[in-house]
């Protein structure tokens, strides 16, 4: 969630102090320029190099950030954070092997976080080679060289989005060097855009304030909930804890503005009752189809992670009830943001805390309030190795989303999508045991890379091959003997019970057990690639703290066997 910092009075400062203070105020565009002046005089001080890289990363100028991080990590004194952020940018640029090397520099060997990051690299590479049934294209009518995102529907044909395109050279956000975010409107059937205006009680335009947008409308398109940066005077804001004597810092957090359409003009009628800009941000609203539930993003106390998705219910009086967290099925220990409710009734949102391709990925879940199905990653090409977020759809088949992926026109762009179901042969799998889903044996021509051959299951806290799994393993031995050039990947998993470290070790034992069985039955170890993921790749909602049946937990205690090469 974007924040804004402002400073109070300050004394005459050195260039380094000025640069540091600009950085602390989130004015990354200006601070980068000062740091670059300094680095020439300091013989490539690693701390300054890292600060320059951080500045460019934080304003989404990733090519520049990659260049400066490369110089930073070349120094043995580079921080683990520098290696991590460099790895994230390499992942974004689809340099998967280099990204893995950098992740390994900033995590301890076999740490759960490292395993997740390495798995993210693998998932991204695989999903890009086996794209989903979505087709994606950019929306040139709305995209500029700046940041354009958060498109939503207004009524039947209206479209509204937010952008920091420069229309006023005197109204700059020094964080990016662009204008503050404003709302713009267009139409499904046209390519012209104009500023979307809302007036305050005195008739002043909110386009004269700070960040303004994104926006969510009710079904009648006569009431709107708009995310805004608070315009409260800084004297009424608490000084930040990192303020220094004579140099106070103030954070302008986000809040929700409520507006109504009167005589064809949008007019602000008040703030959302649970805004609290002194303590937390609240924004990115989404309304249920009947308008009785409002979902939003906040870092208010009581959440599961950095930012969570919350909801309020409309009361009989017309007021909003107290905020309730949407729960751990949806929210993670990381950032979960940008909820929207599709015309199909599904929740779409972006998360950095679930298995994906890197950055924010878009997920879909069915339910309401605190009851949700396991979030479904929409995969490539909806998702990419960059940030993908804010999906809007009226039918679940077509719509728009935002992304800062490579190949776009600006730092963020709006893309349209269509779901086109393609006729494909069923996936090749071996017949499974009676307590698992039944599948058919593969034909020789179906053994393409990535095809799931079979899955075996384990008892709780065990790694031995069960009798039902022996039947599957023997079929796999037969298949491997029939195709001597075939190489396969074994990926082993656990359920969520026990600690992350214990489960990672248990999944490693399960992978070793499966490899040992195949090797003892004459299969060369060179044809087998074993991977283990602990509880990081659950197939259902049974994460920590979620009540599940033993049968549901059983589905997560597994080893999957997939084709790597040699199946043709």
Protein backbone atom coordinates (compact mmCIF):
# COMPACT_ATOMS: atom_id res chain seq x y z
CA UNK A 1 0.00 0.00 0.00
CA UNK A 2 1.52 3.31 -1.09
CA UNK A 3 2.40 5.70 1.70
CA UNK A 4 3.70 9.27 1.65
CA UNK A 5 6.14 10.83 4.12
CA UNK A 6 6.64 14.54 4.73
CA UNK A 7 9.29 16.35 6.75
CA UNK A 8 9.18 19.26 9.13
CA UNK A 9 11.82 21.98 9.43
CA UNK A 10 15.48 21.02 8.97
CA UNK A 11 18.95 22.54 9.27
CA UNK A 12 21.60 22.86 6.52
CA UNK A 13 22.66 19.33 5.63
CA UNK A 14 25.44 17.62 3.69
CA UNK A 15 24.65 15.88 0.39
CA UNK A 16 24.72 12.50 2.14
CA UNK A 17 22.37 13.72 4.85
CA UNK A 18 20.06 15.23 2.26
CA UNK A 19 20.03 11.98 0.31
CA UNK A 20 19.36 9.93 3.44
CA UNK A 21 16.53 12.21 4.52
CA UNK A 22 14.92 12.13 1.09
CA UNK A 23 15.13 8.33 1.19
CA UNK A 24 13.49 8.23 4.63
CA UNK A 25 10.69 10.42 3.23
CA UNK A 26 10.17 7.94 0.37
CA UNK A 27 11.36 10.55 -2.15
CA UNK A 28 13.35 7.92 -4.01
CA UNK A 29 13.55 9.71 -7.35
CA UNK A 30 15.33 12.71 -5.85
CA UNK A 31 17.45 10.73 -3.39
CA UNK A 32 18.80 8.47 -6.17
CA UNK A 33 20.14 11.51 -8.00
CA UNK A 34 22.04 12.68 -4.91
CA UNK A 35 23.39 9.20 -4.14
CA UNK A 36 24.67 8.92 -7.71
CA UNK A 37 26.63 12.15 -7.23
CA UNK A 38 28.13 10.74 -4.04
CA UNK A 39 29.11 7.32 -5.39
CA UNK A 40 31.61 8.90 -7.78
CA UNK A 41 33.38 10.49 -4.82
CA UNK A 42 33.34 7.50 -2.47
CA UNK A 43 34.99 4.84 -4.63
CA UNK A 44 31.81 2.78 -4.98
CA UNK A 45 30.85 2.65 -1.31
CA UNK A 46 28.75 -0.55 -1.10
CA UNK A 47 26.15 1.10 1.16
CA UNK A 48 25.57 3.90 -1.32
CA UNK A 49 25.45 1.46 -4.23
CA UNK A 50 22.75 -0.50 -2.42
CA UNK A 51 20.79 2.67 -1.65
CA UNK A 52 20.79 3.65 -5.35
CA UNK A 53 19.59 0.17 -6.29
CA UNK A 54 16.89 0.32 -3.62
CA UNK A 55 15.67 3.69 -4.90
CA UNK A 56 15.22 2.43 -8.44
CA UNK A 57 13.57 -0.78 -7.25
CA UNK A 58 11.09 1.15 -5.14
CA UNK A 59 9.98 3.30 -8.10
CA UNK A 60 9.76 0.26 -10.39
CA UNK A 61 12.73 1.19 -12.59
CA UNK A 62 13.95 -2.39 -12.61
CA UNK A 63 16.57 -2.17 -15.36
CA UNK A 64 18.41 0.51 -13.40
CA UNK A 65 17.92 -1.40 -10.16
CA UNK A 66 19.39 -4.57 -11.67
CA UNK A 67 22.45 -2.69 -12.85
CA UNK A 68 23.12 -1.17 -9.43
CA UNK A 69 22.43 -4.38 -7.50
CA UNK A 70 24.90 -6.21 -9.74
CA UNK A 71 27.57 -3.71 -8.70
CA UNK A 72 26.50 -4.00 -5.06
CA UNK A 73 26.66 -7.80 -4.73
CA UNK A 74 30.07 -7.84 -6.41
CA UNK A 75 31.37 -6.43 -3.13
CA UNK A 76 31.94 -9.13 -0.46
CA UNK A 77 30.48 -6.76 2.13
CA UNK A 78 27.10 -6.60 0.38
CA UNK A 79 24.17 -7.26 2.71
CA UNK A 80 21.90 -10.30 2.55
CA UNK A 81 19.08 -7.90 1.67
CA UNK A 82 21.00 -6.77 -1.43
CA UNK A 83 21.37 -10.38 -2.57
CA UNK A 84 17.67 -10.96 -1.92
CA UNK A 85 16.46 -7.95 -3.87
CA UNK A 86 18.86 -8.74 -6.70
CA UNK A 87 17.45 -12.28 -6.79
CA UNK A 88 13.90 -10.90 -6.95
CA UNK A 89 14.79 -8.72 -9.94
CA UNK A 90 16.61 -11.57 -11.68
CA UNK A 91 13.49 -13.71 -11.17
CA UNK A 92 11.42 -10.89 -12.65
CA UNK A 93 13.72 -10.87 -15.68
CA UNK A 94 13.31 -14.66 -15.96
CA UNK A 95 16.99 -15.31 -15.24
CA UNK A 96 16.02 -18.27 -13.10
CA UNK A 97 19.41 -19.91 -12.56
CA UNK A 98 21.05 -16.62 -11.60
CA UNK A 99 18.14 -15.84 -9.29
CA UNK A 100 18.58 -19.18 -7.51
CA UNK A 101 22.27 -18.42 -6.95
CA UNK A 102 21.42 -15.12 -5.29
CA UNK A 103 18.66 -16.63 -3.13
CA UNK A 104 21.19 -19.19 -1.90
CA UNK A 105 23.47 -16.32 -0.87
CA UNK A 106 20.87 -14.77 1.44
CA UNK A 107 19.25 -17.85 3.06
CA UNK A 108 20.63 -20.70 5.12
CA UNK A 109 20.84 -24.03 3.31
CA UNK A 110 17.50 -25.91 3.29
CA UNK A 111 15.70 -23.05 5.06
CA UNK A 112 11.94 -23.17 4.30
CA UNK A 113 12.10 -19.68 2.78
CA UNK A 114 14.88 -20.76 0.43
CA UNK A 115 12.94 -23.85 -0.63
CA UNK A 116 9.92 -21.64 -1.40
CA UNK A 117 11.96 -19.23 -3.50
CA UNK A 118 13.65 -22.02 -5.46
CA UNK A 119 10.22 -23.58 -6.02
CA UNK A 120 8.93 -20.22 -7.26
CA UNK A 121 11.69 -20.16 -9.89
CA UNK A 122 10.77 -23.69 -10.96
CA UNK A 123 7.03 -22.95 -11.06
CA UNK A 124 7.55 -19.82 -13.12
CA UNK A 125 9.73 -21.63 -15.65
CA UNK A 126 7.26 -24.51 -15.96
CA UNK A 127 4.08 -22.40 -16.16
CA UNK A 128 5.55 -20.18 -18.85
CA UNK A 129 6.21 -23.28 -20.97
CA UNK A 130 2.69 -24.62 -20.37
CA UNK A 131 0.42 -21.54 -20.45
CA UNK A 132 -3.18 -21.60 -19.29
CA UNK A 133 -6.22 -21.04 -21.51
CA UNK A 134 -6.18 -17.26 -21.01
CA UNK A 135 -5.11 -14.93 -23.80
CA UNK A 136 -3.72 -11.56 -22.73
CA UNK A 137 -3.01 -8.30 -24.54
CA UNK A 138 -2.20 -4.78 -23.46
CA UNK A 139 -4.83 -2.03 -23.55
CA UNK A 140 -3.14 0.77 -25.52
CA UNK A 141 -6.05 3.19 -25.22
CA UNK A 142 -5.34 3.60 -21.50
CA UNK A 143 -1.62 2.89 -21.15
CA UNK A 144 1.04 5.63 -21.12
CA UNK A 145 4.73 5.87 -20.28
CA UNK A 146 3.69 6.27 -16.64
CA UNK A 147 1.87 4.05 -14.14
CA UNK A 148 -1.66 3.09 -15.22
CA UNK A 149 -3.50 0.48 -13.15
CA UNK A 150 -6.54 -0.44 -11.06
CA UNK A 151 -9.13 -0.42 -13.84
CA UNK A 152 -12.69 -1.12 -12.69
CA UNK A 153 -16.16 -1.08 -14.23
CA UNK A 154 -18.55 1.84 -13.75
CA UNK A 155 -22.05 0.76 -14.66
CA UNK A 156 -22.60 -1.04 -17.96
CA UNK A 157 -19.90 0.49 -20.18
CA UNK A 158 -17.84 2.87 -18.06
CA UNK A 159 -14.24 2.17 -17.07
CA UNK A 160 -12.25 4.05 -14.43
CA UNK A 161 -8.56 3.61 -13.57
CA UNK A 162 -5.75 5.41 -11.75
CA UNK A 163 -2.62 6.94 -13.29
CA UNK A 164 0.33 9.16 -12.34
CA UNK A 165 0.75 10.53 -15.86
CA UNK A 166 2.13 14.07 -15.86
CA UNK A 167 -0.56 16.64 -16.61
CA UNK A 168 0.77 19.30 -14.24
CA UNK A 169 4.51 19.87 -13.87
CA UNK A 170 3.93 21.70 -10.58
CA UNK A 171 2.03 18.81 -8.95
CA UNK A 172 4.81 16.22 -8.59
CA UNK A 173 5.18 13.29 -6.26
CA UNK A 174 8.88 13.36 -5.43
CA UNK A 175 8.83 9.65 -4.71
CA UNK A 176 8.61 8.93 -8.45
CA UNK A 177 9.02 12.30 -10.18
CA UNK A 178 5.56 11.86 -11.74
CA UNK A 179 2.21 13.42 -10.81
CA UNK A 180 0.21 12.17 -7.86
CA UNK A 181 -2.14 9.34 -8.80
CA UNK A 182 -5.46 10.60 -10.17
CA UNK A 183 -8.53 8.84 -11.53
CA UNK A 184 -9.30 8.74 -15.25
CA UNK A 185 -12.40 7.47 -17.01
CA UNK A 186 -13.12 5.96 -20.39
CA UNK A 187 -15.56 3.61 -22.06
CA UNK A 188 -15.55 -0.02 -23.18
CA UNK A 189 -16.48 1.09 -26.67
CA UNK A 190 -14.06 4.02 -27.02
CA UNK A 191 -10.44 5.02 -26.62
CA UNK A 192 -10.73 8.54 -25.15
CA UNK A 193 -9.98 9.23 -21.48
CA UNK A 194 -10.56 12.21 -19.20
CA UNK A 195 -10.01 12.94 -15.53
CA UNK A 196 -12.65 11.57 -13.17
CA UNK A 197 -13.54 14.34 -10.74
CA UNK A 198 -14.99 14.30 -7.23
CA UNK A 199 -15.79 17.48 -5.30
CA UNK A 200 -15.51 17.99 -1.56
CA UNK A 201 -18.13 19.76 0.56
CA UNK A 202 -16.71 23.17 -0.40
CA UNK A 203 -16.72 22.40 -4.13
CA UNK A 204 -12.95 21.79 -4.34
CA UNK A 205 -11.71 19.00 -6.59
CA UNK A 206 -9.98 15.99 -5.06
CA UNK A 207 -7.66 16.09 -8.04
CA UNK A 208 -5.91 18.89 -6.12
CA UNK A 209 -5.11 16.49 -3.24
CA UNK A 210 -2.49 13.73 -2.99
CA UNK A 211 -2.95 10.19 -4.36
CA UNK A 212 -6.54 9.60 -5.49
CA UNK A 213 -7.58 6.08 -6.47
CA UNK A 214 -8.34 3.26 -7.09
CA UNK A 215 -12.14 3.30 -6.91
CA UNK A 216 -14.94 0.77 -6.38
CA UNK A 217 -18.61 1.29 -7.36
CA UNK A 218 -21.82 -0.31 -6.18
CA UNK A 219 -24.00 -2.08 -8.74
CA UNK A 220 -26.13 1.01 -9.33
CA UNK A 221 -22.95 3.04 -9.97
CA UNK A 222 -24.24 5.85 -7.77
CA UNK A 223 -22.00 5.26 -4.74
CA UNK A 224 -18.22 4.95 -4.81
CA UNK A 225 -15.46 4.04 -2.34
CA UNK A 226 -12.19 5.73 -3.28
CA UNK A 227 -8.73 5.07 -1.84
CA UNK A 228 -7.05 8.40 -1.04
CA UNK A 229 -3.92 9.56 0.73
CA UNK A 230 -5.07 11.49 3.76
CA UNK A 231 -5.05 15.25 3.38
CA UNK A 232 -5.04 15.83 7.13
CA UNK A 233 -2.64 18.66 8.11
CA UNK A 234 0.69 17.31 9.30
CA UNK A 235 0.29 19.08 12.65
CA UNK A 236 -2.61 16.69 13.30
CA UNK A 237 -0.51 13.62 12.40
CA UNK A 238 1.80 11.88 14.89
CA UNK A 239 5.54 12.19 14.22
CA UNK A 240 7.11 8.93 13.03
CA UNK A 241 9.35 6.97 15.38
CA UNK A 242 12.35 7.48 13.06
CA UNK A 243 12.09 11.28 13.30
CA UNK A 244 15.15 13.18 14.48
CA UNK A 245 15.45 16.44 16.44
CA UNK A 246 14.65 19.32 14.10
CA UNK A 247 13.63 16.91 11.34
CA UNK A 248 10.23 15.34 12.06
CA UNK A 249 8.76 12.82 9.63
CA UNK A 250 5.05 12.25 9.12
CA UNK A 251 3.42 9.37 7.25
CA UNK A 252 0.34 10.11 5.18
CA UNK A 253 -1.56 6.84 5.26
CA UNK A 254 -4.42 5.68 3.08
CA UNK A 255 -8.12 5.96 3.83
CA UNK A 256 -11.45 5.34 2.09
CA UNK A 257 -13.51 8.26 0.85
CA UNK A 258 -17.22 7.68 0.17
CA UNK A 259 -18.82 9.62 -2.71
CA UNK A 260 -22.29 9.81 -4.24
CA UNK A 261 -23.39 10.84 -7.71
CA UNK A 262 -25.75 13.83 -7.64
CA UNK A 263 -26.98 15.59 -10.77
CA UNK A 264 -24.26 13.88 -12.81
CA UNK A 265 -21.51 15.11 -10.43
CA UNK A 266 -19.64 13.00 -7.90
CA UNK A 267 -19.60 14.58 -4.43
CA UNK A 268 -17.77 13.30 -1.33
CA UNK A 269 -20.17 12.54 1.55
CA UNK A 270 -17.70 11.37 4.20
CA UNK A 271 -15.00 8.90 5.20
CA UNK A 272 -15.31 5.19 5.87
CA UNK A 273 -16.02 4.84 9.60
CA UNK A 274 -13.02 2.63 10.35
CA UNK A 275 -10.33 4.85 8.82
CA UNK A 276 -7.56 5.57 11.32
CA UNK A 277 -4.71 7.35 9.53
CA UNK A 278 -2.83 7.86 12.79
CA UNK A 279 -2.29 4.11 13.16
CA UNK A 280 -2.88 2.26 9.88
CA UNK A 281 -3.85 2.42 6.21
CA UNK A 282 -7.16 1.20 4.79
CA UNK A 283 -8.08 1.11 1.10
CA UNK A 284 -8.63 -0.92 -2.10
CA UNK A 285 -12.35 -1.50 -1.51
CA UNK A 286 -14.55 -4.10 -3.22
CA UNK A 287 -18.28 -4.64 -2.80
CA UNK A 288 -20.22 -7.89 -2.87
CA UNK A 289 -22.80 -8.21 -5.64
CA UNK A 290 -25.64 -7.32 -3.27
CA UNK A 291 -23.67 -4.45 -1.71
CA UNK A 292 -24.04 -5.86 1.81
CA UNK A 293 -20.35 -6.70 2.33
CA UNK A 294 -17.37 -4.44 1.70
CA UNK A 295 -13.90 -5.97 1.43
CA UNK A 296 -10.73 -3.91 1.74
CA UNK A 297 -6.97 -4.05 2.37
CA UNK A 298 -5.45 -2.86 5.63
CA UNK A 299 -2.41 -3.20 7.87
CA UNK A 300 -4.57 -2.63 10.96
CA UNK A 301 -3.67 -4.59 14.12
CA UNK A 302 -4.90 -8.19 14.30
CA UNK A 303 -3.90 -9.25 10.79
CA UNK A 304 -1.95 -12.33 9.74
CA UNK A 305 0.69 -10.52 7.70
CA UNK A 306 2.03 -7.22 6.42
CA UNK A 307 -1.31 -6.37 4.81
CA UNK A 308 -4.51 -8.43 4.98
CA UNK A 309 -7.94 -8.46 3.39
CA UNK A 310 -10.76 -7.58 5.77
CA UNK A 311 -14.52 -7.11 5.47
CA UNK A 312 -17.44 -5.27 7.08
CA UNK A 313 -21.14 -6.14 6.87
CA UNK A 314 -23.85 -3.58 6.31
CA UNK A 315 -26.19 -3.36 9.32
CA UNK A 316 -29.96 -2.91 9.32
CA UNK A 317 -29.37 0.78 10.08
CA UNK A 318 -27.34 1.16 6.89
CA UNK A 319 -24.07 1.60 8.80
CA UNK A 320 -21.05 -0.70 8.46
CA UNK A 321 -20.29 -3.25 11.18
CA UNK A 322 -16.82 -3.65 12.71
CA UNK A 323 -13.97 -4.98 10.52
CA UNK A 324 -13.39 -8.75 10.48
CA UNK A 325 -10.30 -10.45 9.06
CA UNK A 326 -11.08 -12.74 6.09
CA UNK A 327 -8.99 -15.50 7.67
CA UNK A 328 -5.87 -17.55 6.99
CA UNK A 329 -7.21 -19.30 3.90
CA UNK A 330 -6.97 -15.95 2.11
CA UNK A 331 -4.42 -14.02 4.15
CA UNK A 332 -0.76 -14.98 4.55
CA UNK A 333 2.23 -13.76 6.54
CA UNK A 334 3.16 -11.53 3.58
CA UNK A 335 1.19 -8.96 1.55
CA UNK A 336 -2.39 -9.70 0.44
CA UNK A 337 -4.07 -6.82 -1.35
CA UNK A 338 -6.27 -5.49 -4.18
CA UNK A 339 -9.49 -7.50 -3.64
CA UNK A 340 -12.20 -7.36 -6.30
CA UNK A 341 -15.48 -9.24 -6.58
CA UNK A 342 -16.14 -10.50 -10.10
CA UNK A 343 -19.50 -10.63 -11.81
CA UNK A 344 -19.18 -14.41 -11.31
CA UNK A 345 -19.22 -13.81 -7.54
CA UNK A 346 -15.61 -14.92 -7.02
CA UNK A 347 -13.00 -13.05 -5.02
CA UNK A 348 -9.92 -12.07 -7.01
CA UNK A 349 -6.93 -10.68 -5.16
CA UNK A 350 -3.13 -10.39 -5.27
CA UNK A 351 -0.74 -12.07 -2.84
CA UNK A 352 2.99 -12.36 -2.30
CA UNK A 353 2.59 -15.10 0.31
CA UNK A 354 1.23 -18.04 -1.70
CA UNK A 355 3.08 -20.30 -4.17
CA UNK A 356 3.38 -18.43 -7.44
CA UNK A 357 5.67 -16.99 -10.08
CA UNK A 358 7.22 -14.10 -8.13
CA UNK A 359 6.02 -10.68 -6.98
CA UNK A 360 2.25 -10.32 -6.64
CA UNK A 361 0.28 -13.14 -8.27
CA UNK A 362 -3.49 -13.03 -8.85
CA UNK A 363 -5.62 -15.68 -7.12
CA UNK A 364 -9.27 -16.66 -7.29
CA UNK A 365 -11.36 -17.98 -4.40
CA UNK A 366 -15.04 -18.78 -3.94
CA UNK A 367 -16.89 -17.91 -0.75
CA UNK A 368 -17.57 -14.92 1.47
CA UNK A 369 -16.56 -13.38 4.79
CA UNK A 370 -14.24 -15.93 6.49
CA UNK A 371 -15.21 -19.03 4.49
CA UNK A 372 -13.20 -19.51 1.28
CA UNK A 373 -12.05 -22.24 -1.04
CA UNK A 374 -8.32 -22.75 -1.48
CA UNK A 375 -7.04 -19.82 -3.56
CA UNK A 376 -6.39 -20.78 -7.18
CA UNK A 377 -3.34 -19.27 -8.86
CA UNK A 378 -4.44 -18.08 -12.33
CA UNK A 379 -0.94 -18.91 -13.64
CA UNK A 380 0.68 -17.67 -16.83
CA UNK A 381 -0.14 -15.56 -18.84
CA UNK A 382 -2.43 -13.80 -16.31
CA UNK A 383 0.45 -14.02 -13.84
CA UNK A 384 4.09 -13.39 -14.63
CA UNK A 385 7.40 -13.08 -12.79
CA UNK A 386 6.49 -9.43 -12.08
CA UNK A 387 3.66 -7.88 -10.04
CA UNK A 388 0.21 -8.83 -11.34
CA UNK A 389 -2.80 -7.42 -9.52
CA UNK A 390 -6.25 -5.79 -9.53
CA UNK A 391 -8.27 -8.10 -11.78
CA UNK A 392 -11.75 -6.90 -12.79
CA UNK A 393 -14.26 -9.14 -14.56
CA UNK A 394 -18.01 -9.15 -15.15
CA UNK A 395 -18.28 -12.83 -16.10
CA UNK A 396 -15.08 -14.64 -15.08
CA UNK A 397 -14.22 -15.10 -18.76
CA UNK A 398 -13.15 -11.62 -19.87
CA UNK A 399 -11.86 -8.55 -18.11
CA UNK A 400 -8.82 -6.51 -17.18
CA UNK A 401 -5.88 -6.66 -14.79
CA UNK A 402 -2.76 -4.63 -14.02
CA UNK A 403 0.89 -5.62 -14.26
CA UNK A 404 4.40 -4.17 -14.30
CA UNK A 405 5.71 -7.05 -16.45
CA UNK A 406 8.40 -6.66 -19.05
CA UNK A 407 7.24 -5.38 -22.44
CA UNK A 408 4.78 -2.86 -21.05
CA UNK A 409 4.62 0.79 -22.01
CA UNK A 410 4.93 2.26 -18.51
CA UNK A 411 5.91 1.25 -14.99
CA UNK A 412 2.43 -0.33 -14.63
CA UNK A 413 0.04 -1.17 -17.45
CA UNK A 414 -3.53 -2.33 -17.94
CA UNK A 415 -4.10 -5.60 -19.80
CA UNK A 416 -7.27 -7.25 -21.08
CA UNK A 417 -7.84 -11.01 -20.99
CA UNK A 418 -10.12 -13.63 -22.49
CA UNK A 419 -10.50 -17.22 -21.29
CA UNK A 420 -10.53 -19.50 -24.35
CA UNK A 421 -11.00 -23.18 -23.57
CA UNK A 422 -8.76 -25.24 -25.82
CA UNK A 423 -9.39 -28.83 -26.78
CA UNK A 424 -6.58 -30.89 -25.31
CA UNK A 425 -5.93 -34.54 -24.64
CA UNK A 426 -6.42 -35.56 -21.00
CA UNK A 427 -3.21 -35.48 -18.95
CA UNK A 428 -1.23 -38.71 -18.92
CA UNK A 429 -1.30 -40.42 -15.52
CA UNK A 430 -0.89 -43.93 -14.25
CA UNK A 431 -3.82 -45.68 -12.58
CA UNK A 432 -3.79 -44.84 -8.89
CA UNK A 433 -4.77 -46.83 -5.83
CA UNK A 434 -8.37 -47.15 -4.74
CA UNK A 435 -8.13 -44.30 -2.22
CA UNK A 436 -6.86 -41.75 -4.79
CA UNK A 437 -8.39 -40.25 -7.96
CA UNK A 438 -8.47 -42.77 -10.81
CA UNK A 439 -6.63 -41.97 -14.03
CA UNK A 440 -5.61 -43.79 -17.21
CA UNK A 441 -2.19 -45.05 -18.32
CA UNK A 442 -0.26 -42.76 -20.67
CA UNK A 443 0.19 -43.36 -24.35
CA UNK A 444 3.76 -43.02 -25.64
CA UNK A 445 2.92 -39.78 -27.43
CA UNK A 446 1.58 -38.19 -24.22
CA UNK A 447 4.86 -38.13 -22.31
CA UNK A 448 5.61 -34.44 -22.84
CA UNK A 449 7.64 -32.42 -20.36
CA UNK A 450 5.68 -31.51 -17.24
CA UNK A 451 3.10 -34.30 -17.59
CA UNK A 452 2.07 -35.78 -14.23
CA UNK A 453 2.62 -39.55 -14.38
CA UNK A 454 1.34 -40.61 -10.97
CA UNK A 455 1.11 -39.68 -7.31
CA UNK A 456 1.77 -41.85 -4.27
CA UNK A 457 0.67 -41.14 -0.70
CA UNK A 458 2.10 -41.62 2.79
CA UNK A 459 0.88 -42.31 6.30
CA UNK A 460 1.13 -39.53 8.87
CA UNK A 461 4.76 -38.79 9.82
CA UNK A 462 6.02 -41.72 7.67
CA UNK A 463 8.27 -41.93 4.64
CA UNK A 464 8.07 -45.65 3.80
CA UNK A 465 6.42 -46.84 0.57
CA UNK A 466 2.95 -48.16 1.44
CA UNK A 467 1.51 -51.31 -0.23
CA UNK A 468 -0.86 -49.23 -2.37
CA UNK A 469 2.10 -47.06 -3.44
CA UNK A 470 4.14 -50.17 -4.34
CA UNK A 471 1.60 -50.91 -7.09
CA UNK A 472 2.11 -47.43 -8.53
CA UNK A 473 5.89 -47.56 -8.21
CA UNK A 474 6.02 -50.90 -10.04
CA UNK A 475 3.97 -49.45 -12.90
CA UNK A 476 6.39 -46.53 -12.98
CA UNK A 477 9.36 -48.93 -13.17
CA UNK A 478 7.70 -50.64 -16.14
CA UNK A 479 7.13 -47.30 -17.87
CA UNK A 480 10.73 -46.19 -17.30
CA UNK A 481 12.04 -49.47 -18.69
CA UNK A 482 9.82 -49.06 -21.76
CA UNK A 483 11.22 -45.55 -22.31
CA UNK A 484 14.95 -45.72 -21.46
CA UNK A 485 15.54 -42.05 -22.38
CA UNK A 486 12.81 -40.82 -20.03
CA UNK A 487 13.91 -38.71 -17.02
CA UNK A 488 11.50 -37.75 -14.28
CA UNK A 489 11.16 -35.39 -11.32
CA UNK A 490 9.98 -36.62 -7.94
CA UNK A 491 8.50 -33.83 -5.78
CA UNK A 492 7.66 -34.81 -2.20
CA UNK A 493 5.33 -32.99 0.19
CA UNK A 494 3.81 -33.12 3.67
CA UNK A 495 0.64 -31.90 5.31
CA UNK A 496 0.77 -28.76 7.48
CA UNK A 497 0.98 -30.48 10.88
CA UNK A 498 4.36 -30.18 12.70
CA UNK A 499 6.84 -27.33 12.21
CA UNK A 500 8.02 -26.06 8.83
CA UNK A 501 11.57 -27.27 9.45
CA UNK A 502 10.40 -30.73 10.51
CA UNK A 503 8.13 -31.04 7.49
CA UNK A 504 10.90 -29.97 5.14
CA UNK A 505 13.10 -32.76 6.52
CA UNK A 506 10.20 -35.25 6.34
CA UNK A 507 9.54 -34.43 2.68
CA UNK A 508 13.27 -34.94 1.99
CA UNK A 509 13.04 -38.44 3.56
CA UNK A 510 10.00 -39.22 1.41
CA UNK A 511 11.82 -38.15 -1.74
CA UNK A 512 14.82 -40.28 -0.79
CA UNK A 513 12.58 -43.27 -0.10
CA UNK A 514 10.96 -43.02 -3.53
CA UNK A 515 14.33 -42.65 -5.26
CA UNK A 516 15.74 -45.63 -3.34
CA UNK A 517 12.80 -47.81 -4.42
CA UNK A 518 13.29 -47.01 -8.10
CA UNK A 519 17.07 -47.45 -7.95
CA UNK A 520 16.70 -50.84 -6.22
CA UNK A 521 14.43 -51.87 -9.09
CA UNK A 522 17.03 -51.12 -11.73
CA UNK A 523 16.36 -47.46 -12.61
CA UNK A 524 19.50 -45.33 -12.90
CA UNK A 525 19.67 -42.50 -10.37
CA UNK A 526 20.81 -40.22 -13.21
CA UNK A 527 17.26 -40.39 -14.60
CA UNK A 528 15.71 -39.16 -11.34
CA UNK A 529 15.58 -35.60 -9.99
CA UNK A 530 14.33 -35.47 -6.40
CA UNK A 531 12.85 -32.29 -4.89
CA UNK A 532 11.17 -31.72 -1.55
CA UNK A 533 8.89 -28.88 -0.47
CA UNK A 534 7.61 -29.64 3.03
CA UNK A 535 4.21 -28.03 3.56
CA UNK A 536 4.74 -25.20 1.04
CA UNK A 537 2.69 -26.73 -1.81
CA UNK A 538 -0.60 -27.81 -0.25
CA UNK A 539 -3.30 -28.96 -2.68
CA UNK A 540 -6.17 -27.74 -0.51
CA UNK A 541 -7.03 -25.26 2.25
CA UNK A 542 -5.53 -27.34 5.08
CA UNK A 543 -2.88 -24.85 6.21
CA UNK A 544 -1.83 -24.18 9.80
CA UNK A 545 -4.81 -23.47 12.03
CA UNK A 546 -7.42 -24.74 9.53
CA UNK A 547 -9.59 -27.63 10.71
CA UNK A 548 -9.54 -30.48 8.17
CA UNK A 549 -10.47 -34.14 8.01
CA UNK A 550 -7.79 -36.82 7.95
CA UNK A 551 -8.76 -37.57 4.34
CA UNK A 552 -8.09 -33.94 3.41
CA UNK A 553 -4.71 -33.99 5.15
CA UNK A 554 -3.91 -37.25 3.34
CA UNK A 555 -4.04 -35.52 -0.05
CA UNK A 556 -1.08 -33.35 0.95
CA UNK A 557 1.18 -36.25 2.08
CA UNK A 558 2.40 -37.22 -1.35
CA UNK A 559 5.14 -37.59 -3.96
CA UNK A 560 4.33 -36.52 -7.52
CA UNK A 561 6.19 -37.91 -10.52
CA UNK A 562 6.50 -35.72 -13.63
CA UNK A 563 8.25 -36.02 -16.98
CA UNK A 564 11.38 -33.88 -17.39
CA UNK A 565 12.59 -35.08 -20.79
CA UNK A 566 12.93 -38.01 -23.16
CA UNK A 567 9.26 -38.81 -23.54
CA UNK A 568 9.06 -38.37 -27.31
